[in-house]
Amino acid sequence: MPTDQRPAYPAGVVAMANSGPNTNGSQFFIVFADTLLPADYTIFGSVVSGLDVAKDVGKAGDDGAFAQQAGGGHPKKKITFTTVTVGPVQASAPPVASASASASASHS
């Protein structure tokens, strides 16, 4: 979990979303541009391939459904992950995740 590093969540970070204490969930997010979110989200990986897809989704904007919260809303550009590869944790590096996605696919 980031504390005093700047940016707190650099582009490419993969972290767990959280809805507060005593809640369960399994949502994650990919940071597509350096951001200073509060240090409330556990970082568990980083994108090593396909960050351009996440940046394209970010450029397309969101629907504003959660305008008062971090993240803003549902992405206007929908993607489906077709493959995700998780590599071993190395002592001197953060966990690594690699993902490729099809920007033209639908999601559920």
PDB file of N, CA and C in Angstrom:
ATOM      1  N   MET A   1       0.852  -1.171   0.000  1.00  0.00           N
ATOM      2  CA  MET A   1       0.000   0.000   0.000  1.00  0.00           C
ATOM      3  C   MET A   1       0.896   1.230   0.000  1.00  0.00           C
ATOM      4  N   PRO A   2       0.681   2.150  -0.927  1.00  0.00           N
ATOM      5  CA  PRO A   2       1.535   3.342  -0.971  1.00  0.00           C
ATOM      6  C   PRO A   2       1.302   4.243   0.241  1.00  0.00           C
ATOM      7  N   THR A   3       2.313   4.966   0.610  1.00  0.00           N
ATOM      8  CA  THR A   3       2.155   5.906   1.718  1.00  0.00           C
ATOM      9  C   THR A   3       2.591   7.289   1.271  1.00  0.00           C
ATOM     10  N   ASP A   4       3.885   7.537   1.272  1.00  0.00           N
ATOM     11  CA  ASP A   4       4.349   8.879   0.937  1.00  0.00           C
ATOM     12  C   ASP A   4       4.980   8.969  -0.442  1.00  0.00           C
ATOM     13  N   GLN A   5       4.930   7.894  -1.231  1.00  0.00           N
ATOM     14  CA  GLN A   5       5.525   7.984  -2.558  1.00  0.00           C
ATOM     15  C   GLN A   5       4.647   8.839  -3.461  1.00  0.00           C
ATOM     16  N   ARG A   6       5.251   9.536  -4.415  1.00  0.00           N
ATOM     17  CA  ARG A   6       4.521  10.388  -5.354  1.00  0.00           C
ATOM     18  C   ARG A   6       4.940  10.030  -6.756  1.00  0.00           C
ATOM     19  N   PRO A   7       4.040   9.735  -7.651  1.00  0.00           N
ATOM     20  CA  PRO A   7       2.608   9.621  -7.415  1.00  0.00           C
ATOM     21  C   PRO A   7       2.294   8.382  -6.593  1.00  0.00           C
ATOM     22  N   ALA A   8       1.256   8.457  -5.799  1.00  0.00           N
ATOM     23  CA  ALA A   8       0.902   7.337  -4.924  1.00  0.00           C
ATOM     24  C   ALA A   8       0.576   6.083  -5.721  1.00  0.00           C
ATOM     25  N   TYR A   9      -0.040   6.250  -6.862  1.00  0.00           N
ATOM     26  CA  TYR A   9      -0.379   5.132  -7.736  1.00  0.00           C
ATOM     27  C   TYR A   9       0.082   5.492  -9.149  1.00  0.00           C
ATOM     28  N   PRO A  10       1.287   5.044  -9.538  1.00  0.00           N
ATOM     29  CA  PRO A  10       1.786   5.375 -10.876  1.00  0.00           C
ATOM     30  C   PRO A  10       1.050   4.585 -11.962  1.00  0.00           C
ATOM     31  N   ALA A  11       1.095   5.089 -13.186  1.00  0.00           N
ATOM     32  CA  ALA A  11       0.469   4.410 -14.321  1.00  0.00           C
ATOM     33  C   ALA A  11       0.954   2.963 -14.394  1.00  0.00           C
ATOM     34  N   GLY A  12       0.016   2.053 -14.629  1.00  0.00           N
ATOM     35  CA  GLY A  12       0.346   0.646 -14.752  1.00  0.00           C
ATOM     36  C   GLY A  12       0.099  -0.173 -13.507  1.00  0.00           C
ATOM     37  N   VAL A  13      -0.167   0.476 -12.389  1.00  0.00           N
ATOM     38  CA  VAL A  13      -0.435  -0.238 -11.141  1.00  0.00           C
ATOM     39  C   VAL A  13      -1.775  -0.963 -11.237  1.00  0.00           C
ATOM     40  N   VAL A  14      -1.844  -2.173 -10.684  1.00  0.00           N
ATOM     41  CA  VAL A  14      -3.091  -2.928 -10.552  1.00  0.00           C
ATOM     42  C   VAL A  14      -3.344  -3.042  -9.053  1.00  0.00           C
ATOM     43  N   ALA A  15      -4.525  -2.585  -8.613  1.00  0.00           N
ATOM     44  CA  ALA A  15      -4.825  -2.549  -7.181  1.00  0.00           C
ATOM     45  C   ALA A  15      -6.252  -3.012  -6.919  1.00  0.00           C
ATOM     46  N   MET A  16      -6.494  -3.433  -5.686  1.00  0.00           N
ATOM     47  CA  MET A  16      -7.834  -3.855  -5.270  1.00  0.00           C
ATOM     48  C   MET A  16      -8.657  -2.632  -4.891  1.00  0.00           C
ATOM     49  N   ALA A  17      -9.881  -2.597  -5.406  1.00  0.00           N
ATOM     50  CA  ALA A  17     -10.835  -1.563  -4.998  1.00  0.00           C
ATOM     51  C   ALA A  17     -11.327  -1.951  -3.602  1.00  0.00           C
ATOM     52  N   ASN A  18     -11.889  -1.005  -2.891  1.00  0.00           N
ATOM     53  CA  ASN A  18     -12.440  -1.358  -1.581  1.00  0.00           C
ATOM     54  C   ASN A  18     -13.588  -0.424  -1.252  1.00  0.00           C
ATOM     55  N   SER A  19     -14.612  -0.996  -0.650  1.00  0.00           N
ATOM     56  CA  SER A  19     -15.815  -0.226  -0.313  1.00  0.00           C
ATOM     57  C   SER A  19     -15.864   0.133   1.159  1.00  0.00           C
ATOM     58  N   GLY A  20     -14.756  -0.045   1.862  1.00  0.00           N
ATOM     59  CA  GLY A  20     -14.711   0.306   3.269  1.00  0.00           C
ATOM     60  C   GLY A  20     -14.638  -0.913   4.169  1.00  0.00           C
ATOM     61  N   PRO A  21     -14.603  -0.683   5.475  1.00  0.00           N
ATOM     62  CA  PRO A  21     -14.479  -1.773   6.442  1.00  0.00           C
ATOM     63  C   PRO A  21     -15.659  -2.741   6.381  1.00  0.00           C
ATOM     64  N   ASN A  22     -15.373  -3.991   6.642  1.00  0.00           N
ATOM     65  CA  ASN A  22     -16.381  -5.050   6.738  1.00  0.00           C
ATOM     66  C   ASN A  22     -17.204  -5.232   5.466  1.00  0.00           C
ATOM     67  N   THR A  23     -16.590  -4.982   4.322  1.00  0.00           N
ATOM     68  CA  THR A  23     -17.259  -5.241   3.049  1.00  0.00           C
ATOM     69  C   THR A  23     -16.456  -6.281   2.289  1.00  0.00           C
ATOM     70  N   ASN A  24     -17.119  -7.026   1.484  1.00  0.00           N
ATOM     71  CA  ASN A  24     -16.448  -8.035   0.664  1.00  0.00           C
ATOM     72  C   ASN A  24     -16.623  -7.658  -0.796  1.00  0.00           C
ATOM     73  N   GLY A  25     -15.656  -7.991  -1.577  1.00  0.00           N
ATOM     74  CA  GLY A  25     -15.740  -7.710  -3.002  1.00  0.00           C
ATOM     75  C   GLY A  25     -14.480  -8.187  -3.684  1.00  0.00           C
ATOM     76  N   SER A  26     -14.526  -8.180  -4.989  1.00  0.00           N
ATOM     77  CA  SER A  26     -13.364  -8.663  -5.732  1.00  0.00           C
ATOM     78  C   SER A  26     -13.067  -7.783  -6.935  1.00  0.00           C
ATOM     79  N   GLN A  27     -13.359  -6.519  -6.842  1.00  0.00           N
ATOM     80  CA  GLN A  27     -13.060  -5.616  -7.946  1.00  0.00           C
ATOM     81  C   GLN A  27     -11.624  -5.125  -7.850  1.00  0.00           C
ATOM     82  N   PHE A  28     -11.040  -4.913  -9.018  1.00  0.00           N
ATOM     83  CA  PHE A  28      -9.701  -4.346  -9.084  1.00  0.00           C
ATOM     84  C   PHE A  28      -9.738  -3.208 -10.098  1.00  0.00           C
ATOM     85  N   PHE A  29      -8.682  -2.401 -10.092  1.00  0.00           N
ATOM     86  CA  PHE A  29      -8.594  -1.338 -11.090  1.00  0.00           C
ATOM     87  C   PHE A  29      -7.176  -1.230 -11.606  1.00  0.00           C
ATOM     88  N   ILE A  30      -7.070  -0.717 -12.815  1.00  0.00           N
ATOM     89  CA  ILE A  30      -5.777  -0.483 -13.458  1.00  0.00           C
ATOM     90  C   ILE A  30      -5.606   1.025 -13.564  1.00  0.00           C
ATOM     91  N   VAL A  31      -4.516   1.518 -13.053  1.00  0.00           N
ATOM     92  CA  VAL A  31      -4.226   2.945 -13.116  1.00  0.00           C
ATOM     93  C   VAL A  31      -3.604   3.232 -14.484  1.00  0.00           C
ATOM     94  N   PHE A  32      -4.275   4.082 -15.292  1.00  0.00           N
ATOM     95  CA  PHE A  32      -3.780   4.362 -16.641  1.00  0.00           C
ATOM     96  C   PHE A  32      -2.974   5.647 -16.726  1.00  0.00           C
ATOM     97  N   ALA A  33      -2.969   6.453 -15.655  1.00  0.00           N
ATOM     98  CA  ALA A  33      -2.158   7.669 -15.576  1.00  0.00           C
ATOM     99  C   ALA A  33      -1.809   7.892 -14.110  1.00  0.00           C
ATOM    100  N   ASP A  34      -0.633   8.434 -13.836  1.00  0.00           N
ATOM    101  CA  ASP A  34      -0.217   8.686 -12.460  1.00  0.00           C
ATOM    102  C   ASP A  34      -1.326   9.413 -11.705  1.00  0.00           C
ATOM    103  N   THR A  35      -1.595   8.965 -10.471  1.00  0.00           N
ATOM    104  CA  THR A  35      -2.664   9.571  -9.690  1.00  0.00           C
ATOM    105  C   THR A  35      -2.326   9.594  -8.213  1.00  0.00           C
ATOM    106  N   LEU A  36      -2.952  10.493  -7.484  1.00  0.00           N
ATOM    107  CA  LEU A  36      -2.711  10.654  -6.051  1.00  0.00           C
ATOM    108  C   LEU A  36      -3.928  10.226  -5.227  1.00  0.00           C
ATOM    109  N   LEU A  37      -4.541   9.097  -5.560  1.00  0.00           N
ATOM    110  CA  LEU A  37      -5.628   8.572  -4.740  1.00  0.00           C
ATOM    111  C   LEU A  37      -5.157   8.375  -3.305  1.00  0.00           C
ATOM    112  N   PRO A  38      -6.067   8.374  -2.332  1.00  0.00           N
ATOM    113  CA  PRO A  38      -5.668   8.069  -0.958  1.00  0.00           C
ATOM    114  C   PRO A  38      -5.049   6.665  -0.900  1.00  0.00           C
ATOM    115  N   ALA A  39      -4.170   6.446   0.027  1.00  0.00           N
ATOM    116  CA  ALA A  39      -3.466   5.162   0.145  1.00  0.00           C
ATOM    117  C   ALA A  39      -4.357   4.094   0.768  1.00  0.00           C
ATOM    118  N   ASP A  40      -5.544   3.890   0.219  1.00  0.00           N
ATOM    119  CA  ASP A  40      -6.516   2.938   0.751  1.00  0.00           C
ATOM    120  C   ASP A  40      -6.616   1.660  -0.067  1.00  0.00           C
ATOM    121  N   TYR A  41      -5.834   1.541  -1.126  1.00  0.00           N
ATOM    122  CA  TYR A  41      -5.996   0.437  -2.065  1.00  0.00           C
ATOM    123  C   TYR A  41      -4.724  -0.398  -2.125  1.00  0.00           C
ATOM    124  N   THR A  42      -4.868  -1.698  -1.994  1.00  0.00           N
ATOM    125  CA  THR A  42      -3.723  -2.591  -1.982  1.00  0.00           C
ATOM    126  C   THR A  42      -3.234  -2.847  -3.404  1.00  0.00           C
ATOM    127  N   ILE A  43      -1.994  -2.511  -3.659  1.00  0.00           N
ATOM    128  CA  ILE A  43      -1.370  -2.767  -4.949  1.00  0.00           C
ATOM    129  C   ILE A  43      -0.937  -4.229  -4.973  1.00  0.00           C
ATOM    130  N   PHE A  44      -1.329  -4.948  -6.022  1.00  0.00           N
ATOM    131  CA  PHE A  44      -0.917  -6.344  -6.108  1.00  0.00           C
ATOM    132  C   PHE A  44      -0.248  -6.687  -7.419  1.00  0.00           C
ATOM    133  N   GLY A  45      -0.050  -5.726  -8.286  1.00  0.00           N
ATOM    134  CA  GLY A  45       0.621  -6.018  -9.541  1.00  0.00           C
ATOM    135  C   GLY A  45       0.837  -4.774 -10.368  1.00  0.00           C
ATOM    136  N   SER A  46       1.416  -4.984 -11.538  1.00  0.00           N
ATOM    137  CA  SER A  46       1.602  -3.893 -12.483  1.00  0.00           C
ATOM    138  C   SER A  46       1.467  -4.436 -13.891  1.00  0.00           C
ATOM    139  N   VAL A  47       0.971  -3.614 -14.777  1.00  0.00           N
ATOM    140  CA  VAL A  47       0.792  -3.985 -16.172  1.00  0.00           C
ATOM    141  C   VAL A  47       2.141  -3.886 -16.867  1.00  0.00           C
ATOM    142  N   VAL A  48       2.539  -4.937 -17.547  1.00  0.00           N
ATOM    143  CA  VAL A  48       3.792  -4.915 -18.283  1.00  0.00           C
ATOM    144  C   VAL A  48       3.563  -4.960 -19.787  1.00  0.00           C
ATOM    145  N   SER A  49       2.323  -5.221 -20.202  1.00  0.00           N
ATOM    146  CA  SER A  49       1.959  -5.233 -21.613  1.00  0.00           C
ATOM    147  C   SER A  49       0.477  -4.916 -21.733  1.00  0.00           C
ATOM    148  N   GLY A  50       0.110  -4.013 -22.613  1.00  0.00           N
ATOM    149  CA  GLY A  50      -1.292  -3.690 -22.812  1.00  0.00           C
ATOM    150  C   GLY A  50      -1.755  -2.432 -22.111  1.00  0.00           C
ATOM    151  N   LEU A  51      -0.847  -1.659 -21.517  1.00  0.00           N
ATOM    152  CA  LEU A  51      -1.256  -0.425 -20.841  1.00  0.00           C
ATOM    153  C   LEU A  51      -1.896   0.552 -21.823  1.00  0.00           C
ATOM    154  N   ASP A  52      -1.518   0.468 -23.104  1.00  0.00           N
ATOM    155  CA  ASP A  52      -2.123   1.339 -24.111  1.00  0.00           C
ATOM    156  C   ASP A  52      -3.632   1.123 -24.200  1.00  0.00           C
ATOM    157  N   VAL A  53      -4.092  -0.110 -23.976  1.00  0.00           N
ATOM    158  CA  VAL A  53      -5.529  -0.401 -23.990  1.00  0.00           C
ATOM    159  C   VAL A  53      -6.213   0.330 -22.833  1.00  0.00           C
ATOM    160  N   ALA A  54      -5.628   0.253 -21.646  1.00  0.00           N
ATOM    161  CA  ALA A  54      -6.199   0.947 -20.482  1.00  0.00           C
ATOM    162  C   ALA A  54      -6.210   2.460 -20.702  1.00  0.00           C
ATOM    163  N   LYS A  55      -5.164   2.987 -21.316  1.00  0.00           N
ATOM    164  CA  LYS A  55      -5.111   4.423 -21.593  1.00  0.00           C
ATOM    165  C   LYS A  55      -6.203   4.827 -22.579  1.00  0.00           C
ATOM    166  N   ASP A  56      -6.470   3.991 -23.582  1.00  0.00           N
ATOM    167  CA  ASP A  56      -7.550   4.268 -24.538  1.00  0.00           C
ATOM    168  C   ASP A  56      -8.906   4.294 -23.841  1.00  0.00           C
ATOM    169  N   VAL A  57      -9.121   3.373 -22.917  1.00  0.00           N
ATOM    170  CA  VAL A  57     -10.377   3.345 -22.152  1.00  0.00           C
ATOM    171  C   VAL A  57     -10.496   4.629 -21.332  1.00  0.00           C
ATOM    172  N   GLY A  58      -9.414   5.034 -20.701  1.00  0.00           N
ATOM    173  CA  GLY A  58      -9.422   6.266 -19.912  1.00  0.00           C
ATOM    174  C   GLY A  58      -9.709   7.497 -20.760  1.00  0.00           C
ATOM    175  N   LYS A  59      -9.125   7.570 -21.945  1.00  0.00           N
ATOM    176  CA  LYS A  59      -9.353   8.709 -22.841  1.00  0.00           C
ATOM    177  C   LYS A  59     -10.814   8.807 -23.272  1.00  0.00           C
ATOM    178  N   ALA A  60     -11.495   7.663 -23.372  1.00  0.00           N
ATOM    179  CA  ALA A  60     -12.894   7.643 -23.807  1.00  0.00           C
ATOM    180  C   ALA A  60     -13.825   8.203 -22.734  1.00  0.00           C
ATOM    181  N   GLY A  61     -13.354   8.282 -21.491  1.00  0.00           N
ATOM    182  CA  GLY A  61     -14.148   8.858 -20.411  1.00  0.00           C
ATOM    183  C   GLY A  61     -15.089   7.866 -19.749  1.00  0.00           C
ATOM    184  N   ASP A  62     -15.923   8.385 -18.850  1.00  0.00           N
ATOM    185  CA  ASP A  62     -16.866   7.545 -18.113  1.00  0.00           C
ATOM    186  C   ASP A  62     -18.249   8.182 -18.145  1.00  0.00           C
ATOM    187  N   ASP A  63     -19.233   7.448 -17.662  1.00  0.00           N
ATOM    188  CA  ASP A  63     -20.622   7.929 -17.710  1.00  0.00           C
ATOM    189  C   ASP A  63     -21.004   8.824 -16.539  1.00  0.00           C
ATOM    190  N   GLY A  64     -20.085   9.086 -15.615  1.00  0.00           N
ATOM    191  CA  GLY A  64     -20.353   9.981 -14.493  1.00  0.00           C
ATOM    192  C   GLY A  64     -21.237   9.401 -13.402  1.00  0.00           C
ATOM    193  N   ALA A  65     -21.503   8.095 -13.448  1.00  0.00           N
ATOM    194  CA  ALA A  65     -22.399   7.462 -12.481  1.00  0.00           C
ATOM    195  C   ALA A  65     -21.936   7.630 -11.034  1.00  0.00           C
ATOM    196  N   PHE A  66     -20.639   7.756 -10.836  1.00  0.00           N
ATOM    197  CA  PHE A  66     -20.094   7.908  -9.485  1.00  0.00           C
ATOM    198  C   PHE A  66     -19.237   9.167  -9.430  1.00  0.00           C
ATOM    199  N   ALA A  67     -19.760  10.255  -9.921  1.00  0.00           N
ATOM    200  CA  ALA A  67     -18.985  11.492 -10.066  1.00  0.00           C
ATOM    201  C   ALA A  67     -18.378  11.972  -8.760  1.00  0.00           C
ATOM    202  N   GLN A  68     -18.992  11.649  -7.633  1.00  0.00           N
ATOM    203  CA  GLN A  68     -18.487  12.115  -6.344  1.00  0.00           C
ATOM    204  C   GLN A  68     -17.431  11.194  -5.752  1.00  0.00           C
ATOM    205  N   GLN A  69     -17.130  10.088  -6.432  1.00  0.00           N
ATOM    206  CA  GLN A  69     -16.165   9.114  -5.919  1.00  0.00           C
ATOM    207  C   GLN A  69     -14.989   8.993  -6.875  1.00  0.00           C
ATOM    208  N   ALA A  70     -13.897   8.453  -6.367  1.00  0.00           N
ATOM    209  CA  ALA A  70     -12.751   8.179  -7.228  1.00  0.00           C
ATOM    210  C   ALA A  70     -13.191   7.232  -8.330  1.00  0.00           C
ATOM    211  N   GLY A  71     -12.736   7.448  -9.528  1.00  0.00           N
ATOM    212  CA  GLY A  71     -13.088   6.584 -10.640  1.00  0.00           C
ATOM    213  C   GLY A  71     -14.158   7.175 -11.531  1.00  0.00           C
ATOM    214  N   GLY A  72     -15.048   7.973 -11.003  1.00  0.00           N
ATOM    215  CA  GLY A  72     -16.025   8.690 -11.802  1.00  0.00           C
ATOM    216  C   GLY A  72     -17.231   7.930 -12.273  1.00  0.00           C
ATOM    217  N   GLY A  73     -17.091   6.740 -12.782  1.00  0.00           N
ATOM    218  CA  GLY A  73     -18.225   5.998 -13.296  1.00  0.00           C
ATOM    219  C   GLY A  73     -17.812   4.836 -14.170  1.00  0.00           C
ATOM    220  N   HIS A  74     -18.779   4.312 -14.896  1.00  0.00           N
ATOM    221  CA  HIS A  74     -18.527   3.179 -15.787  1.00  0.00           C
ATOM    222  C   HIS A  74     -17.817   3.677 -17.045  1.00  0.00           C
ATOM    223  N   PRO A  75     -16.826   2.932 -17.517  1.00  0.00           N
ATOM    224  CA  PRO A  75     -16.128   3.358 -18.735  1.00  0.00           C
ATOM    225  C   PRO A  75     -17.071   3.390 -19.938  1.00  0.00           C
ATOM    226  N   LYS A  76     -16.910   4.397 -20.778  1.00  0.00           N
ATOM    227  CA  LYS A  76     -17.695   4.472 -22.011  1.00  0.00           C
ATOM    228  C   LYS A  76     -17.203   3.460 -23.036  1.00  0.00           C
ATOM    229  N   LYS A  77     -15.918   3.160 -23.011  1.00  0.00           N
ATOM    230  CA  LYS A  77     -15.338   2.178 -23.926  1.00  0.00           C
ATOM    231  C   LYS A  77     -15.223   0.856 -23.174  1.00  0.00           C
ATOM    232  N   LYS A  78     -15.923  -0.139 -23.625  1.00  0.00           N
ATOM    233  CA  LYS A  78     -15.955  -1.443 -22.962  1.00  0.00           C
ATOM    234  C   LYS A  78     -14.864  -2.350 -23.524  1.00  0.00           C
ATOM    235  N   ILE A  79     -14.268  -3.155 -22.647  1.00  0.00           N
ATOM    236  CA  ILE A  79     -13.273  -4.142 -23.063  1.00  0.00           C
ATOM    237  C   ILE A  79     -13.552  -5.469 -22.370  1.00  0.00           C
ATOM    238  N   THR A  80     -12.981  -6.507 -22.918  1.00  0.00           N
ATOM    239  CA  THR A  80     -13.015  -7.830 -22.308  1.00  0.00           C
ATOM    240  C   THR A  80     -11.584  -8.338 -22.250  1.00  0.00           C
ATOM    241  N   PHE A  81     -11.178  -8.810 -21.102  1.00  0.00           N
ATOM    242  CA  PHE A  81      -9.868  -9.422 -20.997  1.00  0.00           C
ATOM    243  C   PHE A  81      -9.927 -10.783 -21.681  1.00  0.00           C
ATOM    244  N   THR A  82      -9.049 -10.996 -22.632  1.00  0.00           N
ATOM    245  CA  THR A  82      -9.008 -12.282 -23.313  1.00  0.00           C
ATOM    246  C   THR A  82      -7.922 -13.184 -22.738  1.00  0.00           C
ATOM    247  N   THR A  83      -6.868 -12.581 -22.217  1.00  0.00           N
ATOM    248  CA  THR A  83      -5.827 -13.336 -21.516  1.00  0.00           C
ATOM    249  C   THR A  83      -5.252 -12.479 -20.398  1.00  0.00           C
ATOM    250  N   VAL A  84      -4.871 -13.123 -19.337  1.00  0.00           N
ATOM    251  CA  VAL A  84      -4.164 -12.474 -18.238  1.00  0.00           C
ATOM    252  C   VAL A  84      -3.082 -13.436 -17.800  1.00  0.00           C
ATOM    253  N   THR A  85      -1.867 -12.947 -17.692  1.00  0.00           N
ATOM    254  CA  THR A  85      -0.751 -13.775 -17.255  1.00  0.00           C
ATOM    255  C   THR A  85      -0.181 -13.175 -15.979  1.00  0.00           C
ATOM    256  N   VAL A  86      -0.015 -13.995 -14.972  1.00  0.00           N
ATOM    257  CA  VAL A  86       0.535 -13.543 -13.703  1.00  0.00           C
ATOM    258  C   VAL A  86       1.885 -14.207 -13.516  1.00  0.00           C
ATOM    259  N   GLY A  87       2.898 -13.406 -13.209  1.00  0.00           N
ATOM    260  CA  GLY A  87       4.238 -13.931 -13.023  1.00  0.00           C
ATOM    261  C   GLY A  87       4.602 -14.007 -11.559  1.00  0.00           C
ATOM    262  N   PRO A  88       5.702 -14.681 -11.274  1.00  0.00           N
ATOM    263  CA  PRO A  88       6.143 -14.819  -9.877  1.00  0.00           C
ATOM    264  C   PRO A  88       6.619 -13.485  -9.304  1.00  0.00           C
ATOM    265  N   VAL A  89       6.477 -13.351  -8.000  1.00  0.00           N
ATOM    266  CA  VAL A  89       6.954 -12.163  -7.296  1.00  0.00           C
ATOM    267  C   VAL A  89       8.462 -12.273  -7.161  1.00  0.00           C
ATOM    268  N   GLN A  90       9.141 -11.188  -7.483  1.00  0.00           N
ATOM    269  CA  GLN A  90      10.591 -11.151  -7.329  1.00  0.00           C
ATOM    270  C   GLN A  90      10.929 -10.239  -6.159  1.00  0.00           C
ATOM    271  N   ALA A  91      11.944 -10.586  -5.420  1.00  0.00           N
ATOM    272  CA  ALA A  91      12.289  -9.865  -4.193  1.00  0.00           C
ATOM    273  C   ALA A  91      12.476  -8.371  -4.408  1.00  0.00           C
ATOM    274  N   SER A  92      13.055  -7.955  -5.529  1.00  0.00           N
ATOM    275  CA  SER A  92      13.346  -6.542  -5.733  1.00  0.00           C
ATOM    276  C   SER A  92      12.304  -5.832  -6.598  1.00  0.00           C
ATOM    277  N   ALA A  93      11.260  -6.524  -7.011  1.00  0.00           N
ATOM    278  CA  ALA A  93      10.265  -5.907  -7.887  1.00  0.00           C
ATOM    279  C   ALA A  93       8.860  -6.226  -7.397  1.00  0.00           C
ATOM    280  N   PRO A  94       7.903  -5.345  -7.711  1.00  0.00           N
ATOM    281  CA  PRO A  94       6.510  -5.627  -7.334  1.00  0.00           C
ATOM    282  C   PRO A  94       5.956  -6.772  -8.165  1.00  0.00           C
ATOM    283  N   PRO A  95       4.844  -7.388  -7.748  1.00  0.00           N
ATOM    284  CA  PRO A  95       4.219  -8.431  -8.551  1.00  0.00           C
ATOM    285  C   PRO A  95       3.897  -7.889  -9.938  1.00  0.00           C
ATOM    286  N   VAL A  96       3.906  -8.768 -10.925  1.00  0.00           N
ATOM    287  CA  VAL A  96       3.713  -8.357 -12.301  1.00  0.00           C
ATOM    288  C   VAL A  96       2.514  -9.076 -12.898  1.00  0.00           C
ATOM    289  N   ALA A  97       1.661  -8.333 -13.572  1.00  0.00           N
ATOM    290  CA  ALA A  97       0.551  -8.919 -14.317  1.00  0.00           C
ATOM    291  C   ALA A  97       0.641  -8.426 -15.748  1.00  0.00           C
ATOM    292  N   SER A  98       0.374  -9.278 -16.679  1.00  0.00           N
ATOM    293  CA  SER A  98       0.354  -8.911 -18.082  1.00  0.00           C
ATOM    294  C   SER A  98      -1.034  -9.197 -18.600  1.00  0.00           C
ATOM    295  N   ALA A  99      -1.611  -8.272 -19.335  1.00  0.00           N
ATOM    296  CA  ALA A  99      -2.964  -8.488 -19.845  1.00  0.00           C
ATOM    297  C   ALA A  99      -3.071  -7.996 -21.274  1.00  0.00           C
ATOM    298  N   SER A 100      -3.863  -8.693 -22.055  1.00  0.00           N
ATOM    299  CA  SER A 100      -4.219  -8.192 -23.371  1.00  0.00           C
ATOM    300  C   SER A 100      -5.730  -8.157 -23.426  1.00  0.00           C
ATOM    301  N   ALA A 101      -6.259  -7.220 -24.158  1.00  0.00           N
ATOM    302  CA  ALA A 101      -7.710  -7.081 -24.193  1.00  0.00           C
ATOM    303  C   ALA A 101      -8.148  -6.679 -25.588  1.00  0.00           C
ATOM    304  N   SER A 102      -9.363  -6.984 -25.902  1.00  0.00           N
ATOM    305  CA  SER A 102      -9.964  -6.577 -27.156  1.00  0.00           C
ATOM    306  C   SER A 102     -10.900  -5.417 -26.875  1.00  0.00           C
ATOM    307  N   ALA A 103     -10.619  -4.269 -27.457  1.00  0.00           N
ATOM    308  CA  ALA A 103     -11.439  -3.096 -27.184  1.00  0.00           C
ATOM    309  C   ALA A 103     -12.789  -3.154 -27.889  1.00  0.00           C
ATOM    310  N   SER A 104     -12.957  -4.062 -28.830  1.00  0.00           N
ATOM    311  CA  SER A 104     -14.218  -4.122 -29.543  1.00  0.00           C
ATOM    312  C   SER A 104     -15.172  -5.157 -28.942  1.00  0.00           C
ATOM    313  N   ALA A 105     -14.701  -5.939 -27.988  1.00  0.00           N
ATOM    314  CA  ALA A 105     -15.538  -6.969 -27.395  1.00  0.00           C
ATOM    315  C   ALA A 105     -16.497  -6.363 -26.382  1.00  0.00           C
ATOM    316  N   SER A 106     -17.566  -7.057 -26.106  1.00  0.00           N
ATOM    317  CA  SER A 106     -18.520  -6.597 -25.091  1.00  0.00           C
ATOM    318  C   SER A 106     -18.156  -7.188 -23.751  1.00  0.00           C
ATOM    319  N   HIS A 107     -18.748  -6.673 -22.704  1.00  0.00           N
ATOM    320  CA  HIS A 107     -18.510  -7.219 -21.365  1.00  0.00           C
ATOM    321  C   HIS A 107     -19.848  -7.522 -20.730  1.00  0.00           C
ATOM    322  N   SER A 108     -19.777  -8.305 -19.653  1.00  0.00           N
ATOM    323  CA  SER A 108     -21.016  -8.635 -18.945  1.00  0.00           C
ATOM    324  C   SER A 108     -21.071  -7.957 -17.609  1.00  0.00           C
TER     325      SER A 108
END
